Every structure is written in structure tokens, then in C-alpha cells.
């Protein structure tokens, strides 16, 4: 039973690592492809708060 229970956490860790790497790469590509799109919403929010 011990031998069967050992590979399960490794598989979960591998899946978690792959998901984390995928999300980081996707976020990185989006940030590099569209830097102004990420900066514009914050500027708009700052302008709205300053107007109010």
C-alpha cells in the first residue's frame, strides 16, 4: 500500500507545476504583447477617482 500511495503526490505536484508554469507563461506573453492595455485601466481608474 505504501508503494501505491507514494506516486500520487508526485503526480499532483507535477500537475501543479505544469499549471503554474503555463499560467506564468500566458501572463508573461500577455504582459509583453500588450503593456499599454495593462497600464491603461489603472490610469483610467486614477482619473475617475481624481474627478470624483
C-alpha atoms as a PDB file:
ATOM      1  CA  UNK A   1       0.000   0.000   0.000  1.00  0.00           C
ATOM      2  CA  UNK A   2       2.857   2.374   0.756  1.00  0.00           C
ATOM      3  CA  UNK A   3       4.320   1.943  -2.724  1.00  0.00           C
ATOM      4  CA  UNK A   4       0.956   2.765  -4.295  1.00  0.00           C
ATOM      5  CA  UNK A   5       0.422   5.903  -2.211  1.00  0.00           C
ATOM      6  CA  UNK A   6       3.841   7.421  -2.990  1.00  0.00           C
ATOM      7  CA  UNK A   7       3.417   8.262  -6.736  1.00  0.00           C
ATOM      8  CA  UNK A   8       0.124  10.141  -6.173  1.00  0.00           C
ATOM      9  CA  UNK A   9       1.641  13.267  -4.519  1.00  0.00           C
ATOM     10  CA  UNK A  10       4.349  13.332  -7.194  1.00  0.00           C
ATOM     11  CA  UNK A  11       1.721  13.366  -9.942  1.00  0.00           C
ATOM     12  CA  UNK A  12      -0.212  16.123  -8.172  1.00  0.00           C
ATOM     13  CA  UNK A  13       2.957  18.150  -7.715  1.00  0.00           C
ATOM     14  CA  UNK A  14       3.867  17.663 -11.376  1.00  0.00           C
ATOM     15  CA  UNK A  15       0.399  18.769 -12.481  1.00  0.00           C
ATOM     16  CA  UNK A  16       0.526  21.791 -10.166  1.00  0.00           C
ATOM     17  CA  UNK A  17       3.969  22.713 -11.512  1.00  0.00           C
ATOM     18  CA  UNK A  18       2.802  22.420 -15.112  1.00  0.00           C
ATOM     19  CA  UNK A  19      -0.296  24.518 -14.413  1.00  0.00           C
ATOM     20  CA  UNK A  20       1.782  27.161 -12.636  1.00  0.00           C
ATOM     21  CA  UNK A  21       4.302  27.273 -15.489  1.00  0.00           C
ATOM     22  CA  UNK A  22       1.506  27.526 -18.059  1.00  0.00           C
ATOM     23  CA  UNK A  23      -0.211  30.390 -16.215  1.00  0.00           C
ATOM     24  CA  UNK A  24       3.094  32.241 -15.760  1.00  0.00           C
ATOM     25  CA  UNK A  25       3.956  31.893 -19.443  1.00  0.00           C
ATOM     26  CA  UNK A  26       0.490  33.012 -20.557  1.00  0.00           C
ATOM     27  CA  UNK A  27       0.527  36.015 -18.212  1.00  0.00           C
ATOM     28  CA  UNK A  28       4.061  36.867 -19.322  1.00  0.00           C
ATOM     29  CA  UNK A  29       3.165  36.726 -23.006  1.00  0.00           C
ATOM     30  CA  UNK A  30       0.056  38.841 -22.455  1.00  0.00           C
ATOM     31  CA  UNK A  31       2.051  41.406 -20.472  1.00  0.00           C
ATOM     32  CA  UNK A  32       4.780  41.600 -23.116  1.00  0.00           C
ATOM     33  CA  UNK A  33       2.373  41.703 -26.077  1.00  0.00           C
ATOM     34  CA  UNK A  34       0.099  44.391 -24.636  1.00  0.00           C
ATOM     35  CA  UNK A  35       1.865  46.548 -21.998  1.00  0.00           C
ATOM     36  CA  UNK A  36      -0.298  49.659 -22.647  1.00  0.00           C
ATOM     37  CA  UNK A  37      -3.505  47.622 -22.235  1.00  0.00           C
ATOM     38  CA  UNK A  38      -2.396  46.680 -18.723  1.00  0.00           C
ATOM     39  CA  UNK A  39      -1.405  50.270 -17.879  1.00  0.00           C
ATOM     40  CA  UNK A  40      -4.491  51.988 -19.303  1.00  0.00           C
ATOM     41  CA  UNK A  41      -7.113  50.623 -16.876  1.00  0.00           C
ATOM     42  CA  UNK A  42      -5.123  51.798 -13.860  1.00  0.00           C
ATOM     43  CA  UNK A  43      -4.759  55.273 -15.398  1.00  0.00           C
ATOM     44  CA  UNK A  44      -8.490  55.402 -16.139  1.00  0.00           C
ATOM     45  CA  UNK A  45      -9.297  54.380 -12.582  1.00  0.00           C
ATOM     46  CA  UNK A  46      -6.943  57.055 -11.232  1.00  0.00           C
ATOM     47  CA  UNK A  47      -8.605  59.692 -13.422  1.00  0.00           C
ATOM     48  CA  UNK A  48     -12.075  58.605 -12.303  1.00  0.00           C
ATOM     49  CA  UNK A  49     -11.086  58.775  -8.643  1.00  0.00           C
ATOM     50  CA  UNK A  50      -9.486  62.190  -9.120  1.00  0.00           C
ATOM     51  CA  UNK A  51     -12.604  63.501 -10.885  1.00  0.00           C
ATOM     52  CA  UNK A  52     -14.879  62.334  -8.092  1.00  0.00           C
END
